[in-house]
Structures are given as C-alpha cells and as structure tokens.
Amino acid sequence: MSNRRRIEWLLKERLRTAGRQYAEARRAYDEAKATALRGLPTDEDGGAKIICRRYAERRTVRVDEAGRPECYEADHPDCEGCVEDIREQRIETW
C-alpha cells in the first residue's frame, strides 16, 4: 500500500469514527432532552403547566428543545434556576 493510500485510508477511518461519535452524542442529547420534557403536565394546546420561579405564578408556556420555557430570560437567576429544575425534573407544576 502506498503512503498516499495509507493516508487516505487513515483520514477516512478517522472521519468515520468522528461521525459515529457525533451521532452517539446527538442521540444521547436527544434522549436526555426528551426525558427532561417528558412528564411535564400540559394543556390541550401542548403548553407546559409550570409555576414561574420569577413571579411565583401559574403559567402555561411552550418549552423549547433545550428545555427553556418561552418566558425564559437569559442570565436571570430565577429563569436559569427554572431551566435547571426542568432538566432535573423537579419543576413545580399545576
């Protein structure tokens, strides 16, 4: 096998390995996301029924794929805590 073919083979093999690792990481992320969002009570429109940590009120909101409610405000401590609670499945609901 020539040096050029060995290098081509090695590069292809590394790319395949990286692709498999990416696919596995993506699958694990999707499963974790689905688990975090599963179990939240919803209304008939699919909005999650949560208790807002910031305003201590009942809300029905959409939750995005990252587990953030639509009322989420970046860098606000209560909003950050809410997202963490959703991911850890300890968010207060109604």
Protein backbone atom coordinates (compact mmCIF):
# COMPACT_ATOMS: atom_id res chain seq x y z
CA MET A 1 0.00 0.00 0.00
CA SER A 2 1.43 3.37 -0.97
CA ASN A 3 1.86 6.18 1.51
CA ARG A 4 -0.85 8.20 -0.21
CA ARG A 5 -3.36 5.34 0.08
CA ARG A 6 -2.47 4.79 3.72
CA ILE A 7 -3.05 8.46 4.47
CA GLU A 8 -6.36 8.44 2.59
CA TRP A 9 -7.46 5.31 4.43
CA LEU A 10 -6.42 6.78 7.78
CA LEU A 11 -8.28 10.03 7.12
CA LYS A 12 -11.43 8.20 6.03
CA GLU A 13 -11.28 5.99 9.10
CA ARG A 14 -10.87 8.99 11.40
CA LEU A 15 -13.81 10.74 9.74
CA ARG A 16 -15.99 7.65 10.14
CA THR A 17 -15.04 7.41 13.81
CA ALA A 18 -15.79 11.09 14.36
CA GLY A 19 -19.14 10.68 12.60
CA ARG A 20 -20.10 7.75 14.81
CA GLN A 21 -19.09 9.67 17.95
CA TYR A 22 -21.13 12.69 16.83
CA ALA A 23 -24.17 10.50 16.12
CA GLU A 24 -23.91 8.86 19.55
CA ALA A 25 -23.54 12.22 21.32
CA ARG A 26 -26.51 13.61 19.40
CA ARG A 27 -28.63 10.56 20.28
CA ALA A 28 -27.71 10.88 23.97
CA TYR A 29 -28.55 14.59 23.91
CA ASP A 30 -31.92 13.96 22.26
CA GLU A 31 -32.77 11.24 24.77
CA ALA A 32 -31.84 13.47 27.72
CA LYS A 33 -33.88 16.32 26.30
CA ALA A 34 -36.92 14.11 25.77
CA THR A 35 -36.60 12.72 29.29
CA ALA A 36 -36.45 16.22 30.78
CA LEU A 37 -39.55 17.36 28.91
CA ARG A 38 -41.45 14.14 29.42
CA GLY A 39 -43.68 14.17 32.43
CA LEU A 40 -44.47 17.88 32.42
CA PRO A 41 -48.22 18.34 32.62
CA THR A 42 -49.59 20.13 29.56
CA ASP A 43 -52.78 21.83 28.48
CA GLU A 44 -54.75 20.84 25.40
CA ASP A 45 -52.50 23.08 23.22
CA GLY A 46 -49.30 21.39 24.41
CA GLY A 47 -48.13 24.16 26.72
CA ALA A 48 -46.38 23.05 29.91
CA LYS A 49 -48.13 23.96 33.16
CA ILE A 50 -45.35 25.30 35.38
CA ILE A 51 -45.02 27.61 38.35
CA CYS A 52 -42.86 30.60 37.37
CA ARG A 53 -39.98 30.98 39.81
CA ARG A 54 -39.52 34.62 38.92
CA TYR A 55 -43.08 35.79 39.53
CA ALA A 56 -44.41 32.86 41.61
CA GLU A 57 -47.43 32.41 39.37
CA ARG A 58 -49.03 29.64 37.35
CA ARG A 59 -48.11 29.73 33.67
CA THR A 60 -48.83 27.66 30.62
CA VAL A 61 -45.83 28.02 28.30
CA ARG A 62 -44.16 26.26 25.41
CA VAL A 63 -40.83 24.65 26.27
CA ASP A 64 -38.19 24.56 23.52
CA GLU A 65 -35.89 21.66 22.67
CA ALA A 66 -33.25 22.95 25.09
CA GLY A 67 -35.75 22.82 27.98
CA ARG A 68 -36.27 26.59 28.15
CA PRO A 69 -39.79 27.98 28.60
CA GLU A 70 -40.83 30.70 26.17
CA CYS A 71 -40.74 33.28 29.00
CA TYR A 72 -37.06 32.46 29.70
CA GLU A 73 -34.74 35.46 30.09
CA ALA A 74 -31.05 34.68 29.72
CA ASP A 75 -28.83 35.41 32.72
CA HIS A 76 -31.75 35.98 35.10
CA PRO A 77 -31.10 33.80 38.17
CA ASP A 78 -34.74 32.71 38.55
CA CYS A 79 -35.00 31.81 34.85
CA GLU A 80 -31.72 29.91 34.96
CA GLY A 81 -32.99 28.03 38.03
CA CYS A 82 -36.25 27.24 36.25
CA VAL A 83 -34.41 25.70 33.29
CA GLU A 84 -32.26 23.67 35.66
CA ASP A 85 -35.38 22.49 37.51
CA ILE A 86 -37.00 21.43 34.22
CA ARG A 87 -33.90 19.44 33.25
CA GLU A 88 -33.69 17.81 36.69
CA GLN A 89 -37.45 17.09 36.63
CA ARG A 90 -38.09 18.99 39.84
CA ILE A 91 -40.01 21.97 38.43
CA GLU A 92 -43.20 22.88 40.26
CA THR A 93 -46.28 22.24 38.14
CA TRP A 94 -50.02 22.55 38.47
